[in-house]
Amino acid sequence: MYNRRMSGAMLKPMLKKAALVVAGILVVGQAVRPDRTNPPVNAARTLAASGEAPAAVVASLDRGCRDCHSSETDWPWYTNVAPISWWIAHHVSDGRREVSFSNWADLDARRKAKKLGDICEQVDRKEMPMTSYLLVHRDAELSDAERQAICDWTKAERATLPSIPADPEGGREGRRRRRD
């Protein structure tokens, strides 16, 4: 008859082997280094230099968003440790691709309008800064007043953008095939 309980003598060697395998994978994983560079920043092309946002909004965005949404990421010591380094580098890459405040002036009116709407929506829903980021960066948490100020600015800024004619194919706004 099969005994469902493993004896302690059988379980210890299995756990020891599993621990050695996991440790080996982590050691080998340290050799796979993600890109943790910050591209050069043209200060004249940044959100702060554009003069479009109030200083308080720029300060809030800098504190809560800079590490993932700019080319001025601080790379703390733990970003050298795999697999955490892979996860963080992926988040930073995604954040920069989504919108980079270091290249704000490079956005055309359509993309800027889209990003302004996204910023307000995600900040208002407390989706940004991400909860996982806030666990380590408590000072990045935005107050309700800061969230409101950011949304007020995004709405006012969208209103100043030139009217963009609708795309006859439905526009990117209506499709989710491509990421902005």
N, C-alpha and C. Protein backbone atom coordinates (compact mmCIF):
# COMPACT_ATOMS: atom_id res chain seq x y z
N MET A 1 0.84 -1.18 0.00
CA MET A 1 0.00 0.00 0.00
C MET A 1 0.89 1.24 0.00
N TYR A 2 0.49 2.25 -0.77
CA TYR A 2 1.25 3.49 -0.92
C TYR A 2 1.04 4.37 0.29
N ASN A 3 2.09 4.83 0.86
CA ASN A 3 2.03 5.72 2.01
C ASN A 3 2.04 7.16 1.51
N ARG A 4 0.99 7.90 1.77
CA ARG A 4 0.88 9.28 1.29
C ARG A 4 1.87 10.21 1.97
N ARG A 5 2.27 9.90 3.12
CA ARG A 5 3.23 10.74 3.83
C ARG A 5 4.64 10.27 3.53
N MET A 6 5.44 11.23 3.15
CA MET A 6 6.84 10.90 2.94
C MET A 6 7.54 10.92 4.28
N SER A 7 8.44 10.03 4.42
CA SER A 7 9.20 10.04 5.67
C SER A 7 10.16 11.22 5.64
N GLY A 8 10.54 11.68 6.80
CA GLY A 8 11.48 12.79 6.91
C GLY A 8 12.80 12.47 6.23
N ALA A 9 13.18 11.22 6.26
CA ALA A 9 14.44 10.81 5.64
C ALA A 9 14.40 10.99 4.13
N MET A 10 13.23 10.81 3.50
CA MET A 10 13.10 10.96 2.05
C MET A 10 12.93 12.44 1.66
N LEU A 11 12.26 13.19 2.49
CA LEU A 11 11.95 14.58 2.17
C LEU A 11 13.17 15.49 2.25
N LYS A 12 14.04 15.29 3.24
CA LYS A 12 15.21 16.16 3.42
C LYS A 12 16.13 16.16 2.19
N PRO A 13 16.50 15.01 1.63
CA PRO A 13 17.37 15.06 0.44
C PRO A 13 16.69 15.74 -0.76
N MET A 14 15.39 15.56 -0.91
CA MET A 14 14.68 16.20 -2.02
C MET A 14 14.68 17.71 -1.85
N LEU A 15 14.42 18.20 -0.65
CA LEU A 15 14.43 19.63 -0.39
C LEU A 15 15.83 20.21 -0.57
N LYS A 16 16.84 19.47 -0.15
CA LYS A 16 18.21 19.92 -0.31
C LYS A 16 18.57 20.06 -1.79
N LYS A 17 18.18 19.07 -2.60
CA LYS A 17 18.44 19.13 -4.04
C LYS A 17 17.69 20.30 -4.68
N ALA A 18 16.45 20.48 -4.28
CA ALA A 18 15.65 21.58 -4.84
C ALA A 18 16.28 22.92 -4.48
N ALA A 19 16.74 23.07 -3.24
CA ALA A 19 17.38 24.32 -2.81
C ALA A 19 18.66 24.56 -3.60
N LEU A 20 19.43 23.52 -3.85
CA LEU A 20 20.67 23.66 -4.63
C LEU A 20 20.37 24.05 -6.08
N VAL A 21 19.32 23.48 -6.65
CA VAL A 21 18.94 23.83 -8.02
C VAL A 21 18.52 25.29 -8.09
N VAL A 22 17.68 25.74 -7.16
CA VAL A 22 17.23 27.13 -7.14
C VAL A 22 18.42 28.07 -6.94
N ALA A 23 19.31 27.74 -6.02
CA ALA A 23 20.50 28.56 -5.78
C ALA A 23 21.37 28.62 -7.04
N GLY A 24 21.53 27.50 -7.72
CA GLY A 24 22.31 27.45 -8.95
C GLY A 24 21.70 28.32 -10.04
N ILE A 25 20.40 28.27 -10.18
CA ILE A 25 19.71 29.09 -11.17
C ILE A 25 19.91 30.57 -10.86
N LEU A 26 19.79 30.96 -9.59
CA LEU A 26 19.99 32.35 -9.20
C LEU A 26 21.42 32.82 -9.46
N VAL A 27 22.40 31.97 -9.18
CA VAL A 27 23.80 32.33 -9.42
C VAL A 27 24.05 32.50 -10.91
N VAL A 28 23.58 31.56 -11.72
CA VAL A 28 23.77 31.65 -13.17
C VAL A 28 23.00 32.86 -13.71
N GLY A 29 21.84 33.13 -13.14
CA GLY A 29 21.02 34.27 -13.58
C GLY A 29 21.72 35.60 -13.40
N GLN A 30 22.67 35.69 -12.48
CA GLN A 30 23.40 36.95 -12.28
C GLN A 30 24.22 37.34 -13.50
N ALA A 31 24.54 36.36 -14.33
CA ALA A 31 25.33 36.63 -15.54
C ALA A 31 24.50 37.29 -16.64
N VAL A 32 23.20 37.17 -16.55
CA VAL A 32 22.30 37.76 -17.54
C VAL A 32 21.91 39.15 -17.03
N ARG A 33 22.57 40.16 -17.55
CA ARG A 33 22.39 41.52 -17.07
C ARG A 33 21.49 42.31 -18.02
N PRO A 34 20.40 42.84 -17.51
CA PRO A 34 19.55 43.69 -18.36
C PRO A 34 20.19 45.05 -18.57
N ASP A 35 19.76 45.72 -19.60
CA ASP A 35 20.25 47.07 -19.89
C ASP A 35 19.69 48.02 -18.84
N ARG A 36 20.57 48.70 -18.13
CA ARG A 36 20.17 49.65 -17.10
C ARG A 36 20.79 51.01 -17.38
N THR A 37 20.70 51.42 -18.61
CA THR A 37 21.29 52.70 -18.98
C THR A 37 20.22 53.78 -19.04
N ASN A 38 20.68 54.98 -18.96
CA ASN A 38 19.82 56.14 -19.13
C ASN A 38 20.26 56.84 -20.41
N PRO A 39 19.38 56.88 -21.42
CA PRO A 39 19.75 57.59 -22.65
C PRO A 39 20.02 59.06 -22.34
N PRO A 40 20.81 59.70 -23.19
CA PRO A 40 21.08 61.13 -22.98
C PRO A 40 19.78 61.94 -23.00
N VAL A 41 19.76 62.99 -22.21
CA VAL A 41 18.58 63.84 -22.11
C VAL A 41 18.91 65.22 -22.66
N ASN A 42 18.09 65.68 -23.58
CA ASN A 42 18.18 67.06 -24.05
C ASN A 42 17.24 67.85 -23.16
N ALA A 43 17.80 68.59 -22.24
CA ALA A 43 17.00 69.30 -21.23
C ALA A 43 15.93 70.20 -21.86
N ALA A 44 16.15 70.69 -23.05
CA ALA A 44 15.19 71.56 -23.71
C ALA A 44 13.97 70.80 -24.22
N ARG A 45 14.03 69.46 -24.27
CA ARG A 45 12.93 68.65 -24.81
C ARG A 45 12.08 68.02 -23.70
N THR A 46 12.39 68.28 -22.44
CA THR A 46 11.69 67.65 -21.32
C THR A 46 10.37 68.34 -21.01
N LEU A 47 9.55 67.67 -20.26
CA LEU A 47 8.28 68.25 -19.81
C LEU A 47 8.55 69.49 -18.97
N ALA A 48 9.53 69.42 -18.09
CA ALA A 48 9.84 70.56 -17.22
C ALA A 48 10.24 71.78 -18.04
N ALA A 49 10.99 71.58 -19.11
CA ALA A 49 11.46 72.70 -19.92
C ALA A 49 10.39 73.25 -20.86
N SER A 50 9.36 72.45 -21.11
CA SER A 50 8.33 72.88 -22.05
C SER A 50 7.50 74.03 -21.49
N GLY A 51 7.49 74.19 -20.16
CA GLY A 51 6.74 75.27 -19.55
C GLY A 51 5.24 75.07 -19.59
N GLU A 52 4.83 73.88 -20.00
CA GLU A 52 3.40 73.60 -20.13
C GLU A 52 2.75 73.22 -18.80
N ALA A 53 3.54 72.66 -17.89
CA ALA A 53 2.99 72.19 -16.62
C ALA A 53 3.44 73.09 -15.48
N PRO A 54 2.56 73.33 -14.52
CA PRO A 54 2.95 74.10 -13.33
C PRO A 54 4.08 73.37 -12.59
N ALA A 55 4.90 74.13 -11.91
CA ALA A 55 6.06 73.56 -11.20
C ALA A 55 5.64 72.48 -10.20
N ALA A 56 4.51 72.67 -9.52
CA ALA A 56 4.06 71.67 -8.54
C ALA A 56 3.70 70.35 -9.22
N VAL A 57 3.11 70.43 -10.40
CA VAL A 57 2.75 69.22 -11.16
C VAL A 57 4.02 68.52 -11.64
N VAL A 58 4.96 69.30 -12.16
CA VAL A 58 6.24 68.73 -12.60
C VAL A 58 6.93 68.03 -11.43
N ALA A 59 6.92 68.65 -10.25
CA ALA A 59 7.55 68.06 -9.07
C ALA A 59 6.85 66.75 -8.68
N SER A 60 5.53 66.72 -8.73
CA SER A 60 4.79 65.49 -8.40
C SER A 60 5.09 64.39 -9.41
N LEU A 61 5.09 64.74 -10.69
CA LEU A 61 5.39 63.75 -11.73
C LEU A 61 6.83 63.27 -11.61
N ASP A 62 7.73 64.16 -11.28
CA ASP A 62 9.13 63.79 -11.11
C ASP A 62 9.28 62.80 -9.96
N ARG A 63 8.67 63.09 -8.84
CA ARG A 63 8.79 62.24 -7.66
C ARG A 63 8.10 60.88 -7.86
N GLY A 64 6.94 60.89 -8.50
CA GLY A 64 6.16 59.66 -8.62
C GLY A 64 6.37 58.87 -9.90
N CYS A 65 6.94 59.51 -10.92
CA CYS A 65 6.96 58.87 -12.24
C CYS A 65 8.34 58.80 -12.91
N ARG A 66 9.27 59.61 -12.46
CA ARG A 66 10.55 59.76 -13.15
C ARG A 66 11.28 58.45 -13.40
N ASP A 67 11.33 57.57 -12.41
CA ASP A 67 12.14 56.36 -12.57
C ASP A 67 11.70 55.48 -13.74
N CYS A 68 10.43 55.48 -14.06
CA CYS A 68 9.94 54.64 -15.18
C CYS A 68 9.58 55.45 -16.42
N HIS A 69 9.30 56.71 -16.27
CA HIS A 69 8.81 57.51 -17.40
C HIS A 69 9.74 58.65 -17.77
N SER A 70 11.04 58.41 -17.66
CA SER A 70 12.02 59.39 -18.11
C SER A 70 13.33 58.65 -18.39
N SER A 71 14.29 59.38 -18.87
CA SER A 71 15.63 58.82 -19.09
C SER A 71 16.55 59.20 -17.94
N GLU A 72 15.96 59.45 -16.78
CA GLU A 72 16.72 59.83 -15.60
C GLU A 72 16.43 58.88 -14.45
N THR A 73 16.37 57.60 -14.76
CA THR A 73 16.06 56.56 -13.79
C THR A 73 17.18 56.41 -12.77
N ASP A 74 16.79 56.34 -11.50
CA ASP A 74 17.75 55.95 -10.46
C ASP A 74 17.75 54.43 -10.42
N TRP A 75 18.91 53.83 -10.48
CA TRP A 75 19.03 52.38 -10.46
C TRP A 75 19.61 51.96 -9.11
N PRO A 76 18.75 51.69 -8.10
CA PRO A 76 19.25 51.30 -6.77
C PRO A 76 20.02 49.97 -6.82
N TRP A 77 20.71 49.66 -5.74
CA TRP A 77 21.54 48.46 -5.67
C TRP A 77 20.79 47.19 -6.04
N TYR A 78 19.51 47.09 -5.64
CA TYR A 78 18.78 45.84 -5.88
C TYR A 78 18.45 45.63 -7.36
N THR A 79 18.67 46.64 -8.19
CA THR A 79 18.47 46.43 -9.63
C THR A 79 19.66 45.71 -10.25
N ASN A 80 20.63 45.32 -9.41
CA ASN A 80 21.75 44.49 -9.86
C ASN A 80 21.52 43.02 -9.57
N VAL A 81 20.44 42.68 -8.91
CA VAL A 81 20.20 41.31 -8.46
C VAL A 81 19.11 40.66 -9.31
N ALA A 82 19.50 39.61 -10.04
CA ALA A 82 18.52 38.85 -10.82
C ALA A 82 17.72 37.98 -9.85
N PRO A 83 16.47 37.75 -10.11
CA PRO A 83 15.65 38.13 -11.25
C PRO A 83 14.95 39.49 -11.08
N ILE A 84 15.17 40.14 -9.93
CA ILE A 84 14.55 41.46 -9.70
C ILE A 84 14.99 42.45 -10.77
N SER A 85 16.27 42.39 -11.14
CA SER A 85 16.81 43.32 -12.14
C SER A 85 16.08 43.19 -13.47
N TRP A 86 15.74 41.97 -13.86
CA TRP A 86 15.03 41.75 -15.13
C TRP A 86 13.65 42.38 -15.07
N TRP A 87 12.96 42.17 -13.96
CA TRP A 87 11.60 42.67 -13.79
C TRP A 87 11.58 44.20 -13.81
N ILE A 88 12.50 44.82 -13.07
CA ILE A 88 12.54 46.28 -13.00
C ILE A 88 12.94 46.87 -14.35
N ALA A 89 13.95 46.31 -14.99
CA ALA A 89 14.38 46.81 -16.30
C ALA A 89 13.24 46.71 -17.31
N HIS A 90 12.46 45.66 -17.23
CA HIS A 90 11.30 45.50 -18.12
C HIS A 90 10.26 46.60 -17.85
N HIS A 91 10.00 46.88 -16.58
CA HIS A 91 9.04 47.94 -16.22
C HIS A 91 9.51 49.31 -16.71
N VAL A 92 10.80 49.58 -16.54
CA VAL A 92 11.34 50.88 -16.98
C VAL A 92 11.24 50.98 -18.50
N SER A 93 11.60 49.91 -19.19
CA SER A 93 11.52 49.92 -20.66
C SER A 93 10.08 50.16 -21.13
N ASP A 94 9.13 49.46 -20.52
CA ASP A 94 7.72 49.66 -20.86
C ASP A 94 7.28 51.09 -20.55
N GLY A 95 7.67 51.60 -19.39
CA GLY A 95 7.28 52.96 -19.00
C GLY A 95 7.82 54.01 -19.95
N ARG A 96 9.07 53.87 -20.33
CA ARG A 96 9.66 54.82 -21.28
C ARG A 96 9.00 54.74 -22.64
N ARG A 97 8.66 53.52 -23.05
CA ARG A 97 8.00 53.35 -24.34
C ARG A 97 6.59 53.95 -24.31
N GLU A 98 5.93 53.84 -23.20
CA GLU A 98 4.57 54.36 -23.07
C GLU A 98 4.58 55.89 -23.13
N VAL A 99 5.40 56.52 -22.32
CA VAL A 99 5.59 57.97 -22.37
C VAL A 99 6.86 58.30 -21.58
N SER A 100 7.67 59.18 -22.16
CA SER A 100 8.88 59.62 -21.48
C SER A 100 8.82 61.13 -21.33
N PHE A 101 8.85 61.58 -20.08
CA PHE A 101 8.83 63.01 -19.82
C PHE A 101 10.15 63.66 -20.25
N SER A 102 11.16 62.86 -20.52
CA SER A 102 12.43 63.38 -21.04
C SER A 102 12.31 63.79 -22.50
N ASN A 103 11.33 63.24 -23.20
CA ASN A 103 11.13 63.52 -24.63
C ASN A 103 9.75 64.12 -24.90
N TRP A 104 9.20 64.80 -23.94
CA TRP A 104 7.83 65.32 -24.04
C TRP A 104 7.64 66.20 -25.26
N ALA A 105 8.61 67.05 -25.56
CA ALA A 105 8.49 67.98 -26.68
C ALA A 105 8.49 67.27 -28.03
N ASP A 106 8.90 66.01 -28.07
CA ASP A 106 8.93 65.25 -29.32
C ASP A 106 7.56 64.70 -29.71
N LEU A 107 6.59 64.75 -28.79
CA LEU A 107 5.26 64.19 -29.07
C LEU A 107 4.48 65.13 -29.98
N ASP A 108 3.80 64.56 -30.96
CA ASP A 108 2.91 65.38 -31.79
C ASP A 108 1.61 65.63 -31.01
N ALA A 109 0.78 66.51 -31.51
CA ALA A 109 -0.43 66.93 -30.79
C ALA A 109 -1.36 65.74 -30.50
N ARG A 110 -1.52 64.85 -31.46
CA ARG A 110 -2.42 63.70 -31.26
C ARG A 110 -1.92 62.80 -30.14
N ARG A 111 -0.63 62.47 -30.18
CA ARG A 111 -0.07 61.59 -29.16
C ARG A 111 -0.05 62.29 -27.80
N LYS A 112 0.25 63.57 -27.80
CA LYS A 112 0.26 64.33 -26.55
C LYS A 112 -1.14 64.32 -25.92
N ALA A 113 -2.17 64.54 -26.73
CA ALA A 113 -3.54 64.52 -26.22
C ALA A 113 -3.88 63.16 -25.62
N LYS A 114 -3.47 62.10 -26.30
CA LYS A 114 -3.73 60.73 -25.81
C LYS A 114 -3.01 60.50 -24.48
N LYS A 115 -1.75 60.89 -24.43
CA LYS A 115 -0.96 60.67 -23.21
C LYS A 115 -1.48 61.51 -22.05
N LEU A 116 -1.90 62.72 -22.31
CA LEU A 116 -2.47 63.55 -21.25
C LEU A 116 -3.71 62.88 -20.66
N GLY A 117 -4.57 62.36 -21.52
CA GLY A 117 -5.75 61.63 -21.04
C GLY A 117 -5.38 60.40 -20.24
N ASP A 118 -4.40 59.66 -20.72
CA ASP A 118 -3.95 58.45 -20.02
C ASP A 118 -3.36 58.78 -18.65
N ILE A 119 -2.58 59.87 -18.60
CA ILE A 119 -1.96 60.26 -17.34
C ILE A 119 -3.03 60.53 -16.28
N CYS A 120 -4.02 61.34 -16.64
CA CYS A 120 -5.09 61.66 -15.68
C CYS A 120 -5.83 60.40 -15.26
N GLU A 121 -6.19 59.59 -16.23
CA GLU A 121 -6.96 58.37 -15.93
C GLU A 121 -6.20 57.45 -14.98
N GLN A 122 -4.94 57.21 -15.26
CA GLN A 122 -4.17 56.27 -14.44
C GLN A 122 -3.83 56.83 -13.07
N VAL A 123 -3.56 58.12 -13.00
CA VAL A 123 -3.28 58.74 -11.70
C VAL A 123 -4.56 58.78 -10.87
N ASP A 124 -5.68 59.13 -11.50
CA ASP A 124 -6.96 59.21 -10.80
C ASP A 124 -7.39 57.85 -10.26
N ARG A 125 -7.15 56.80 -11.01
CA ARG A 125 -7.51 55.43 -10.58
C ARG A 125 -6.47 54.82 -9.64
N LYS A 126 -5.43 55.56 -9.34
CA LYS A 126 -4.33 55.11 -8.49
C LYS A 126 -3.61 53.90 -9.08
N GLU A 127 -3.60 53.83 -10.43
CA GLU A 127 -2.85 52.79 -11.11
C GLU A 127 -1.38 53.19 -11.25
N MET A 128 -1.13 54.49 -11.17
CA MET A 128 0.22 55.03 -11.24
C MET A 128 0.39 55.99 -10.09
N PRO A 129 1.54 55.99 -9.45
CA PRO A 129 2.60 55.01 -9.55
C PRO A 129 2.10 53.63 -9.14
N MET A 130 2.75 52.62 -9.72
CA MET A 130 2.34 51.24 -9.47
C MET A 130 2.53 50.87 -8.00
N THR A 131 1.64 50.02 -7.51
CA THR A 131 1.71 49.58 -6.12
C THR A 131 3.06 48.93 -5.82
N SER A 132 3.57 48.13 -6.74
CA SER A 132 4.86 47.46 -6.51
C SER A 132 5.99 48.48 -6.36
N TYR A 133 5.91 49.60 -7.07
CA TYR A 133 6.91 50.66 -6.96
C TYR A 133 6.78 51.36 -5.60
N LEU A 134 5.54 51.59 -5.20
CA LEU A 134 5.30 52.30 -3.93
C LEU A 134 5.74 51.49 -2.71
N LEU A 135 5.81 50.18 -2.83
CA LEU A 135 6.27 49.36 -1.71
C LEU A 135 7.69 49.72 -1.29
N VAL A 136 8.51 50.09 -2.25
CA VAL A 136 9.90 50.42 -1.99
C VAL A 136 10.13 51.93 -1.96
N HIS A 137 9.32 52.67 -2.71
CA HIS A 137 9.48 54.13 -2.82
C HIS A 137 8.25 54.82 -2.22
N ARG A 138 8.17 54.80 -0.90
CA ARG A 138 7.01 55.37 -0.20
C ARG A 138 6.84 56.86 -0.51
N ASP A 139 7.93 57.57 -0.75
CA ASP A 139 7.85 59.00 -1.01
C ASP A 139 7.25 59.31 -2.39
N ALA A 140 7.09 58.31 -3.23
CA ALA A 140 6.54 58.52 -4.58
C ALA A 140 5.01 58.56 -4.58
N GLU A 141 4.41 58.19 -3.48
CA GLU A 141 2.94 58.17 -3.42
C GLU A 141 2.39 59.59 -3.58
N LEU A 142 1.39 59.70 -4.43
CA LEU A 142 0.77 61.00 -4.68
C LEU A 142 -0.42 61.21 -3.76
N SER A 143 -0.53 62.41 -3.23
CA SER A 143 -1.69 62.73 -2.39
C SER A 143 -2.90 62.95 -3.30
N ASP A 144 -4.07 62.99 -2.70
CA ASP A 144 -5.28 63.28 -3.47
C ASP A 144 -5.19 64.65 -4.13
N ALA A 145 -4.63 65.62 -3.42
CA ALA A 145 -4.49 66.97 -3.98
C ALA A 145 -3.54 66.96 -5.18
N GLU A 146 -2.46 66.19 -5.09
CA GLU A 146 -1.52 66.09 -6.22
C GLU A 146 -2.18 65.41 -7.41
N ARG A 147 -2.94 64.37 -7.14
CA ARG A 147 -3.66 63.67 -8.22
C ARG A 147 -4.63 64.63 -8.91
N GLN A 148 -5.32 65.41 -8.12
CA GLN A 148 -6.27 66.38 -8.68
C GLN A 148 -5.55 67.44 -9.50
N ALA A 149 -4.43 67.94 -8.98
CA ALA A 149 -3.66 68.96 -9.71
C ALA A 149 -3.14 68.41 -11.04
N ILE A 150 -2.71 67.16 -11.04
CA ILE A 150 -2.23 66.54 -12.28
C ILE A 150 -3.37 66.42 -13.28
N CYS A 151 -4.53 65.97 -12.82
CA CYS A 151 -5.69 65.84 -13.73
C CYS A 151 -6.17 67.20 -14.22
N ASP A 152 -6.18 68.18 -13.34
CA ASP A 152 -6.58 69.53 -13.77
C ASP A 152 -5.64 70.04 -14.86
N TRP A 153 -4.34 69.82 -14.67
CA TRP A 153 -3.37 70.25 -15.68
C TRP A 153 -3.56 69.49 -16.99
N THR A 154 -3.73 68.17 -16.92
CA THR A 154 -3.88 67.40 -18.18
C THR A 154 -5.11 67.85 -18.95
N LYS A 155 -6.19 68.12 -18.25
CA LYS A 155 -7.41 68.57 -18.93
C LYS A 155 -7.23 69.95 -19.54
N ALA A 156 -6.61 70.85 -18.80
CA ALA A 156 -6.37 72.20 -19.31
C ALA A 156 -5.40 72.15 -20.50
N GLU A 157 -4.40 71.33 -20.40
CA GLU A 157 -3.41 71.22 -21.48
C GLU A 157 -4.03 70.62 -22.74
N ARG A 158 -4.88 69.61 -22.58
CA ARG A 158 -5.56 69.02 -23.74
C ARG A 158 -6.41 70.06 -24.46
N ALA A 159 -7.02 70.95 -23.68
CA ALA A 159 -7.88 71.97 -24.27
C ALA A 159 -7.08 72.97 -25.11
N THR A 160 -5.78 73.10 -24.85
CA THR A 160 -4.96 74.05 -25.62
C THR A 160 -4.41 73.45 -26.91
N LEU A 161 -4.50 72.15 -27.04
CA LEU A 161 -3.95 71.49 -28.23
C LEU A 161 -4.84 71.76 -29.43
N PRO A 162 -4.24 71.84 -30.62
CA PRO A 162 -5.05 72.06 -31.82
C PRO A 162 -6.02 70.91 -32.03
N SER A 163 -7.17 71.24 -32.57
CA SER A 163 -8.16 70.21 -32.86
C SER A 163 -7.60 69.29 -33.93
N ILE A 164 -7.73 68.02 -33.71
CA ILE A 164 -7.17 67.03 -34.63
C ILE A 164 -8.32 66.35 -35.36
N PRO A 165 -8.32 66.40 -36.69
CA PRO A 165 -9.40 65.76 -37.42
C PRO A 165 -9.42 64.26 -37.18
N ALA A 166 -10.59 63.70 -37.20
CA ALA A 166 -10.75 62.26 -36.99
C ALA A 166 -10.10 61.50 -38.14
N ASP A 167 -9.50 60.38 -37.82
CA ASP A 167 -8.89 59.50 -38.81
C ASP A 167 -10.02 58.74 -39.50
N PRO A 168 -10.07 58.73 -40.84
CA PRO A 168 -11.15 58.03 -41.53
C PRO A 168 -11.18 56.53 -41.24
N GLU A 169 -10.07 55.98 -40.78
CA GLU A 169 -10.03 54.54 -40.46
C GLU A 169 -10.36 54.29 -39.00
N GLY A 170 -10.83 55.25 -38.30
CA GLY A 170 -11.23 55.05 -36.91
C GLY A 170 -10.20 55.55 -35.92
N GLY A 171 -9.03 55.91 -36.38
CA GLY A 171 -8.01 56.48 -35.50
C GLY A 171 -7.43 55.49 -34.53
N ARG A 172 -6.26 55.82 -34.05
CA ARG A 172 -5.61 54.94 -33.08
C ARG A 172 -6.37 54.91 -31.78
N GLU A 173 -7.08 55.99 -31.48
CA GLU A 173 -7.80 56.06 -30.21
C GLU A 173 -8.82 54.93 -30.10
N GLY A 174 -9.45 54.58 -31.25
CA GLY A 174 -10.49 53.56 -31.23
C GLY A 174 -9.98 52.15 -31.40
N ARG A 175 -8.71 52.01 -31.73
CA ARG A 175 -8.14 50.67 -31.92
C ARG A 175 -7.13 50.38 -30.84
N ARG A 176 -6.98 49.14 -30.51
CA ARG A 176 -6.01 48.74 -29.50
C ARG A 176 -4.91 47.87 -30.11
N ARG A 177 -4.77 47.86 -31.44
CA ARG A 177 -3.76 47.03 -32.07
C ARG A 177 -2.36 47.54 -31.81
N ARG A 178 -2.16 48.83 -31.80
CA ARG A 178 -0.84 49.42 -31.58
C ARG A 178 -0.84 50.14 -30.26
N ARG A 179 0.30 50.11 -29.59
CA ARG A 179 0.46 50.85 -28.34
C ARG A 179 1.00 52.22 -28.65
N ASP A 180 0.49 53.23 -27.95
CA ASP A 180 1.05 54.57 -28.06
C ASP A 180 2.21 54.73 -27.15
